[in-house]
C-alpha atoms as a PDB file:
ATOM      1  CA  MET A   1       0.008  -0.038  -0.018  1.00  0.00           C
ATOM      2  CA  LYS A   2       2.821   2.383   0.829  1.00  0.00           C
ATOM      3  CA  THR A   3       4.611   1.539  -2.435  1.00  0.00           C
ATOM      4  CA  SER A   4       1.384   2.296  -4.479  1.00  0.00           C
ATOM      5  CA  PHE A   5       0.978   5.724  -2.751  1.00  0.00           C
ATOM      6  CA  ALA A   6       4.613   6.640  -3.440  1.00  0.00           C
ATOM      7  CA  ASN A   7       4.179   5.709  -7.081  1.00  0.00           C
ATOM      8  CA  CYS A   8       1.073   7.903  -7.438  1.00  0.00           C
ATOM      9  CA  PHE A   9       2.806  10.777  -5.769  1.00  0.00           C
ATOM     10  CA  SER A  10       5.798  10.493  -8.118  1.00  0.00           C
ATOM     11  CA  ALA A  11       3.477  10.333 -11.113  1.00  0.00           C
ATOM     12  CA  ALA A  12       1.773  13.578 -10.039  1.00  0.00           C
ATOM     13  CA  ILE A  13       5.132  15.337  -9.650  1.00  0.00           C
ATOM     14  CA  LEU A  14       6.135  14.227 -13.182  1.00  0.00           C
ATOM     15  CA  VAL A  15       2.913  15.622 -14.683  1.00  0.00           C
ATOM     16  CA  LEU A  16       3.525  19.010 -13.063  1.00  0.00           C
ATOM     17  CA  LEU A  17       7.067  19.048 -14.380  1.00  0.00           C
ATOM     18  CA  VAL A  18       5.887  18.226 -17.922  1.00  0.00           C
ATOM     19  CA  LEU A  19       3.229  21.011 -17.781  1.00  0.00           C
ATOM     20  CA  SER A  20       5.776  23.504 -16.583  1.00  0.00           C
ATOM     21  CA  ALA A  21       8.132  22.534 -19.367  1.00  0.00           C
ATOM     22  CA  CYS A  22       5.306  23.202 -21.894  1.00  0.00           C
ATOM     23  CA  GLY A  23       4.841  26.703 -20.596  1.00  0.00           C
ATOM     24  CA  LEU A  24       1.278  26.184 -19.213  1.00  0.00           C
ATOM     25  CA  GLY A  25       0.351  27.598 -15.845  1.00  0.00           C
ATOM     26  CA  THR A  26      -1.227  25.519 -13.164  1.00  0.00           C
ATOM     27  CA  ASP A  27      -3.536  28.280 -11.830  1.00  0.00           C
ATOM     28  CA  ALA A  28      -6.873  29.434 -13.237  1.00  0.00           C
ATOM     29  CA  GLU A  29      -5.852  33.155 -13.611  1.00  0.00           C
ATOM     30  CA  PRO A  30      -5.644  34.452 -17.219  1.00  0.00           C
ATOM     31  CA  ALA A  31      -2.081  35.122 -18.386  1.00  0.00           C
ATOM     32  CA  SER A  32      -1.245  38.625 -19.666  1.00  0.00           C
ATOM     33  CA  LEU A  33      -0.093  38.786 -23.289  1.00  0.00           C
ATOM     34  CA  SER A  34       1.835  41.614 -24.972  1.00  0.00           C
ATOM     35  CA  VAL A  35      -0.118  43.046 -27.965  1.00  0.00           C
ATOM     36  CA  PRO A  36       1.572  44.941 -30.807  1.00  0.00           C
ATOM     37  CA  GLU A  37       0.852  48.655 -30.633  1.00  0.00           C
ATOM     38  CA  ASP A  38      -0.686  48.876 -34.201  1.00  0.00           C
ATOM     39  CA  VAL A  39      -3.450  46.296 -33.430  1.00  0.00           C
ATOM     40  CA  PHE A  40      -5.679  48.768 -31.728  1.00  0.00           C
ATOM     41  CA  PRO A  41      -5.791  52.464 -32.743  1.00  0.00           C
ATOM     42  CA  SER A  42      -4.719  55.020 -30.234  1.00  0.00           C
ATOM     43  CA  GLU A  43      -7.479  56.695 -28.337  1.00  0.00           C
ATOM     44  CA  THR A  44      -5.601  60.013 -28.401  1.00  0.00           C
ATOM     45  CA  ALA A  45      -6.609  61.763 -31.686  1.00  0.00           C
ATOM     46  CA  ASP A  46      -4.652  64.520 -33.407  1.00  0.00           C
ATOM     47  CA  ASN A  47      -6.481  67.660 -32.322  1.00  0.00           C
ATOM     48  CA  SER A  48      -4.561  70.048 -34.544  1.00  0.00           C
ATOM     49  CA  GLU A  49      -7.527  70.504 -36.948  1.00  0.00           C
ATOM     50  CA  LEU A  50      -9.965  70.921 -34.023  1.00  0.00           C
ATOM     51  CA  GLU A  51      -7.760  73.503 -32.465  1.00  0.00           C
ATOM     52  CA  SER A  52      -7.436  75.466 -35.683  1.00  0.00           C
ATOM     53  CA  SER A  53     -11.170  75.307 -36.300  1.00  0.00           C
ATOM     54  CA  GLU A  54     -11.821  77.026 -32.924  1.00  0.00           C
ATOM     55  CA  ASP A  55     -10.244  80.205 -34.390  1.00  0.00           C
ATOM     56  CA  THR A  56     -11.575  79.735 -37.878  1.00  0.00           C
ATOM     57  CA  THR A  57     -14.936  80.027 -39.551  1.00  0.00           C
ATOM     58  CA  PHE A  58     -16.153  79.487 -43.121  1.00  0.00           C
ATOM     59  CA  HIS A  59     -17.789  81.986 -45.400  1.00  0.00           C
ATOM     60  CA  PRO A  60     -18.798  81.578 -49.017  1.00  0.00           C
ATOM     61  CA  VAL A  61     -17.304  83.506 -51.899  1.00  0.00           C
ATOM     62  CA  TYR A  62     -18.482  83.211 -55.520  1.00  0.00           C
ATOM     63  CA  HIS A  63     -16.412  82.550 -58.631  1.00  0.00           C
ATOM     64  CA  PHE A  64     -17.334  81.441 -62.044  1.00  0.00           C
ATOM     65  CA  LYS A  65     -16.981  77.933 -63.398  1.00  0.00           C
ATOM     66  CA  ASP A  66     -18.416  76.997 -66.828  1.00  0.00           C
ATOM     67  CA  GLU A  67     -20.034  80.441 -67.051  1.00  0.00           C
ATOM     68  CA  LEU A  68     -21.963  79.967 -63.790  1.00  0.00           C
ATOM     69  CA  LEU A  69     -21.517  81.328 -60.314  1.00  0.00           C
ATOM     70  CA  VAL A  70     -20.383  78.652 -57.867  1.00  0.00           C
ATOM     71  CA  GLU A  71     -20.061  78.930 -54.104  1.00  0.00           C
ATOM     72  CA  ILE A  72     -16.666  78.236 -52.553  1.00  0.00           C
ATOM     73  CA  GLN A  73     -16.302  77.995 -48.804  1.00  0.00           C
ATOM     74  CA  ARG A  74     -13.248  79.935 -47.561  1.00  0.00           C
ATOM     75  CA  PRO A  75     -11.789  79.591 -44.082  1.00  0.00           C
ATOM     76  CA  LEU A  76     -11.392  82.975 -42.327  1.00  0.00           C
ATOM     77  CA  PRO A  77     -10.045  83.832 -38.888  1.00  0.00           C
ATOM     78  CA  VAL A  78     -12.540  84.930 -36.242  1.00  0.00           C
ATOM     79  CA  PRO A  79     -13.940  87.371 -35.615  1.00  0.00           C
ATOM     80  CA  VAL A  80     -15.064  87.989 -39.126  1.00  0.00           C
ATOM     81  CA  PHE A  81     -15.984  91.548 -40.164  1.00  0.00           C
ATOM     82  CA  LEU A  82     -17.954  92.508 -43.266  1.00  0.00           C
ATOM     83  CA  ASP A  83     -14.875  93.288 -45.382  1.00  0.00           C
ATOM     84  CA  ALA A  84     -13.049  89.974 -44.722  1.00  0.00           C
ATOM     85  CA  PRO A  85     -14.998  87.685 -47.149  1.00  0.00           C
ATOM     86  CA  LEU A  86     -15.098  90.463 -49.804  1.00  0.00           C
ATOM     87  CA  ASN A  87     -11.316  90.967 -49.597  1.00  0.00           C
ATOM     88  CA  ASN A  88     -10.944  87.207 -49.845  1.00  0.00           C
ATOM     89  CA  LEU A  89     -13.100  87.273 -52.956  1.00  0.00           C
ATOM     90  CA  LEU A  90     -10.862  89.935 -54.511  1.00  0.00           C
ATOM     91  CA  SER A  91      -7.811  87.740 -54.051  1.00  0.00           C
ATOM     92  CA  GLY A  92      -9.292  85.493 -56.865  1.00  0.00           C
ATOM     93  CA  PRO A  93      -9.258  81.726 -57.132  1.00  0.00           C
ATOM     94  CA  THR A  94      -6.384  79.816 -55.623  1.00  0.00           C
ATOM     95  CA  GLU A  95      -3.982  77.991 -57.941  1.00  0.00           C
ATOM     96  CA  SER A  96      -5.815  74.750 -57.457  1.00  0.00           C
ATOM     97  CA  GLU A  97      -9.234  76.373 -58.028  1.00  0.00           C
ATOM     98  CA  ALA A  98      -7.848  78.039 -61.253  1.00  0.00           C
ATOM     99  CA  ALA A  99      -6.553  74.667 -62.395  1.00  0.00           C
ATOM    100  CA  ALA A 100     -10.025  73.261 -61.757  1.00  0.00           C
ATOM    101  CA  GLY A 101     -11.647  75.882 -63.980  1.00  0.00           C
ATOM    102  CA  PHE A 102     -12.693  78.618 -61.532  1.00  0.00           C
ATOM    103  CA  ALA A 103     -12.266  82.282 -62.667  1.00  0.00           C
ATOM    104  CA  SER A 104     -13.151  85.757 -61.441  1.00  0.00           C
ATOM    105  CA  ALA A 105     -14.426  88.642 -63.499  1.00  0.00           C
ATOM    106  CA  ILE A 106     -13.285  91.237 -60.910  1.00  0.00           C
ATOM    107  CA  PRO A 107     -10.304  93.141 -62.258  1.00  0.00           C
ATOM    108  CA  ALA A 108      -6.974  92.965 -60.441  1.00  0.00           C
ATOM    109  CA  GLY A 109      -6.376  95.989 -58.361  1.00  0.00           C
ATOM    110  CA  THR A 110      -9.986  96.346 -57.173  1.00  0.00           C
ATOM    111  CA  GLU A 111     -10.147  97.405 -53.553  1.00  0.00           C
ATOM    112  CA  ILE A 112     -12.837  97.595 -50.945  1.00  0.00           C
ATOM    113  CA  VAL A 113     -12.600 101.145 -49.629  1.00  0.00           C
ATOM    114  CA  ASP A 114     -15.374 100.657 -47.104  1.00  0.00           C
ATOM    115  CA  VAL A 115     -18.268  98.340 -46.446  1.00  0.00           C
ATOM    116  CA  ALA A 116     -21.106  98.888 -43.952  1.00  0.00           C
ATOM    117  CA  LEU A 117     -24.484  97.707 -42.959  1.00  0.00           C
ATOM    118  CA  LEU A 118     -27.163 100.299 -43.502  1.00  0.00           C
ATOM    119  CA  ARG A 119     -30.797 100.478 -42.330  1.00  0.00           C
ATOM    120  CA  ASP A 120     -33.094  97.519 -43.305  1.00  0.00           C
ATOM    121  CA  ASN A 121     -30.052  95.285 -43.599  1.00  0.00           C
ATOM    122  CA  THR A 122     -28.803  96.913 -46.799  1.00  0.00           C
ATOM    123  CA  ILE A 123     -25.111  96.495 -47.349  1.00  0.00           C
ATOM    124  CA  SER A 124     -23.067  99.398 -48.832  1.00  0.00           C
ATOM    125  CA  ILE A 125     -19.785  98.651 -50.638  1.00  0.00           C
ATOM    126  CA  HIS A 126     -17.410 101.495 -51.587  1.00  0.00           C
ATOM    127  CA  LEU A 127     -15.109 100.427 -54.419  1.00  0.00           C
ATOM    128  CA  ASN A 128     -12.073 102.093 -55.902  1.00  0.00           C
ATOM    129  CA  GLN A 129     -11.923 103.372 -59.513  1.00  0.00           C
ATOM    130  CA  THR A 130     -10.319 100.258 -60.813  1.00  0.00           C
ATOM    131  CA  PHE A 131     -13.519  98.214 -60.613  1.00  0.00           C
ATOM    132  CA  PHE A 132     -15.434 100.780 -62.762  1.00  0.00           C
ATOM    133  CA  GLU A 133     -12.892 100.531 -65.598  1.00  0.00           C
ATOM    134  CA  ILE A 134     -14.510  97.299 -66.787  1.00  0.00           C
ATOM    135  CA  GLU A 135     -17.686  97.302 -68.931  1.00  0.00           C
ATOM    136  CA  GLY A 136     -20.191  95.135 -70.581  1.00  0.00           C
ATOM    137  CA  GLU A 137     -20.418  91.459 -69.713  1.00  0.00           C
ATOM    138  CA  GLN A 138     -17.409  91.581 -67.403  1.00  0.00           C
ATOM    139  CA  ARG A 139     -19.060  94.278 -65.236  1.00  0.00           C
ATOM    140  CA  ILE A 140     -22.196  92.202 -64.964  1.00  0.00           C
ATOM    141  CA  ARG A 141     -20.280  89.177 -63.900  1.00  0.00           C
ATOM    142  CA  ALA A 142     -18.092  91.055 -61.459  1.00  0.00           C
ATOM    143  CA  SER A 143     -21.127  92.786 -59.955  1.00  0.00           C
ATOM    144  CA  ALA A 144     -22.804  89.411 -59.480  1.00  0.00           C
ATOM    145  CA  GLN A 145     -19.769  88.040 -57.585  1.00  0.00           C
ATOM    146  CA  LEU A 146     -19.784  90.945 -55.197  1.00  0.00           C
ATOM    147  CA  VAL A 147     -23.554  90.955 -54.580  1.00  0.00           C
ATOM    148  CA  LEU A 148     -23.747  87.163 -53.903  1.00  0.00           C
ATOM    149  CA  THR A 149     -20.675  87.174 -51.680  1.00  0.00           C
ATOM    150  CA  ALA A 150     -21.886  90.235 -49.713  1.00  0.00           C
ATOM    151  CA  SER A 151     -25.418  88.876 -49.399  1.00  0.00           C
ATOM    152  CA  ALA A 152     -24.142  85.741 -47.772  1.00  0.00           C
ATOM    153  CA  LEU A 153     -22.685  87.823 -44.922  1.00  0.00           C
ATOM    154  CA  ILE A 154     -26.081  89.077 -43.436  1.00  0.00           C
ATOM    155  CA  GLY A 155     -29.217  87.028 -42.885  1.00  0.00           C
ATOM    156  CA  ASP A 156     -32.383  88.598 -44.480  1.00  0.00           C
ATOM    157  CA  THR A 157     -30.302  91.243 -46.309  1.00  0.00           C
ATOM    158  CA  GLN A 158     -32.248  93.646 -48.503  1.00  0.00           C
ATOM    159  CA  GLY A 159     -29.406  93.779 -51.029  1.00  0.00           C
ATOM    160  CA  VAL A 160     -26.276  95.718 -51.851  1.00  0.00           C
ATOM    161  CA  VAL A 161     -25.666  99.321 -52.941  1.00  0.00           C
ATOM    162  CA  PHE A 162     -22.328 100.436 -54.387  1.00  0.00           C
ATOM    163  CA  PHE A 163     -20.457 103.739 -54.069  1.00  0.00           C
ATOM    164  CA  LEU A 164     -17.508 105.360 -55.807  1.00  0.00           C
ATOM    165  CA  GLU A 165     -15.733 108.238 -54.044  1.00  0.00           C
ATOM    166  CA  GLY A 166     -18.640 108.634 -51.720  1.00  0.00           C
ATOM    167  CA  LYS A 167     -21.301 108.796 -54.480  1.00  0.00           C
ATOM    168  CA  PRO A 168     -23.858 106.022 -55.197  1.00  0.00           C
ATOM    169  CA  VAL A 169     -23.304 104.098 -58.469  1.00  0.00           C
ATOM    170  CA  GLN A 170     -25.784 101.745 -60.058  1.00  0.00           C
ATOM    171  CA  LEU A 171     -24.367  98.541 -61.331  1.00  0.00           C
ATOM    172  CA  PRO A 172     -26.023  96.298 -63.912  1.00  0.00           C
ATOM    173  CA  ASP A 173     -28.232  93.297 -62.950  1.00  0.00           C
ATOM    174  CA  GLY A 174     -27.841  89.926 -64.503  1.00  0.00           C
ATOM    175  CA  GLU A 175     -29.600  91.011 -67.670  1.00  0.00           C
ATOM    176  CA  GLY A 176     -27.373  94.034 -68.035  1.00  0.00           C
ATOM    177  CA  LEU A 177     -30.119  96.500 -67.063  1.00  0.00           C
ATOM    178  CA  ILE A 178     -29.200  99.670 -65.123  1.00  0.00           C
ATOM    179  CA  GLU A 179     -31.800 101.468 -63.100  1.00  0.00           C
ATOM    180  CA  GLU A 180     -32.294 105.125 -63.698  1.00  0.00           C
ATOM    181  CA  VAL A 181     -32.136 106.831 -60.383  1.00  0.00           C
ATOM    182  CA  PRO A 182     -33.145 110.469 -59.758  1.00  0.00           C
ATOM    183  CA  GLU A 183     -30.217 112.659 -58.510  1.00  0.00           C
ATOM    184  CA  GLY A 184     -30.021 112.767 -54.753  1.00  0.00           C
ATOM    185  CA  ARG A 185     -31.608 109.251 -54.240  1.00  0.00           C
ATOM    186  CA  LEU A 186     -30.004 105.892 -53.675  1.00  0.00           C
ATOM    187  CA  PRO A 187     -30.500 103.185 -56.303  1.00  0.00           C
ATOM    188  CA  SER A 188     -32.438 100.133 -55.393  1.00  0.00           C
ATOM    189  CA  PRO A 189     -30.258  97.488 -53.788  1.00  0.00           C
ATOM    190  CA  LEU A 190     -29.140  94.699 -55.998  1.00  0.00           C
ATOM    191  CA  THR A 191     -30.066  91.204 -54.694  1.00  0.00           C
ATOM    192  CA  VAL A 192     -29.235  87.629 -55.394  1.00  0.00           C
ATOM    193  CA  LYS A 193     -32.402  87.335 -57.442  1.00  0.00           C
ATOM    194  CA  ASP A 194     -31.148  89.985 -59.855  1.00  0.00           C
ATOM    195  CA  TYR A 195     -28.456  87.473 -60.889  1.00  0.00           C
ATOM    196  CA  ALA A 196     -30.544  84.323 -60.899  1.00  0.00           C
ATOM    197  CA  ALA A 197     -29.627  83.541 -64.522  1.00  0.00           C
ATOM    198  CA  LEU A 198     -25.964  83.283 -63.505  1.00  0.00           C
ATOM    199  CA  THR A 199     -26.397  80.895 -60.616  1.00  0.00           C
ATOM    200  CA  GLU A 200     -25.878  77.177 -60.614  1.00  0.00           C
ATOM    201  CA  SER A 201     -29.247  76.365 -58.980  1.00  0.00           C
ATOM    202  CA  THR A 202     -31.215  78.201 -61.583  1.00  0.00           C
ATOM    203  CA  SER A 203     -29.496  76.545 -64.523  1.00  0.00           C
ATOM    204  CA  ALA A 204     -30.115  73.071 -62.997  1.00  0.00           C
ATOM    205  CA  SER A 205     -33.864  73.744 -62.644  1.00  0.00           C
END
């Protein structure tokens, strides 16, 4: 009986030694494994874009593509004043936009002398002489770019009136029509609807 118990005890020891040699634990606790770093994505995201967006907002400017006005969202630093999107418009299409077919009818050298919000949400834009050196179709298209870009600045705007050297100037609508205004009175504000024939949405309908 003693010999049989000794043999069983020796057999048990041998089994434990074999298991240890195979690398298997004898307890019921899970073993920890090392996992390669690229198996799971890092929980810490790159916040560089979020941080820049906190100081940036987007405003539309309008350029032509395939003879139609197309909205382009431009990033602008906050706070944004009335002249910022208009000056951005005057800078023209970027190199990549120009390569994609975007163009501006506004002549180089055009400057915003002043821009203000008048009564009834009418926007006044004072331009330098360079803008008024263009005529015909180019003036129509350039006027449309300014009116659409300016109108996007103010909700429920009543339109845009233009000035040169402090005097009101009437620009053509999308059909090339110019309102006859009695001396001493402001012309009717130009609105987005005046250039409906040049917009993408109208052409698609």
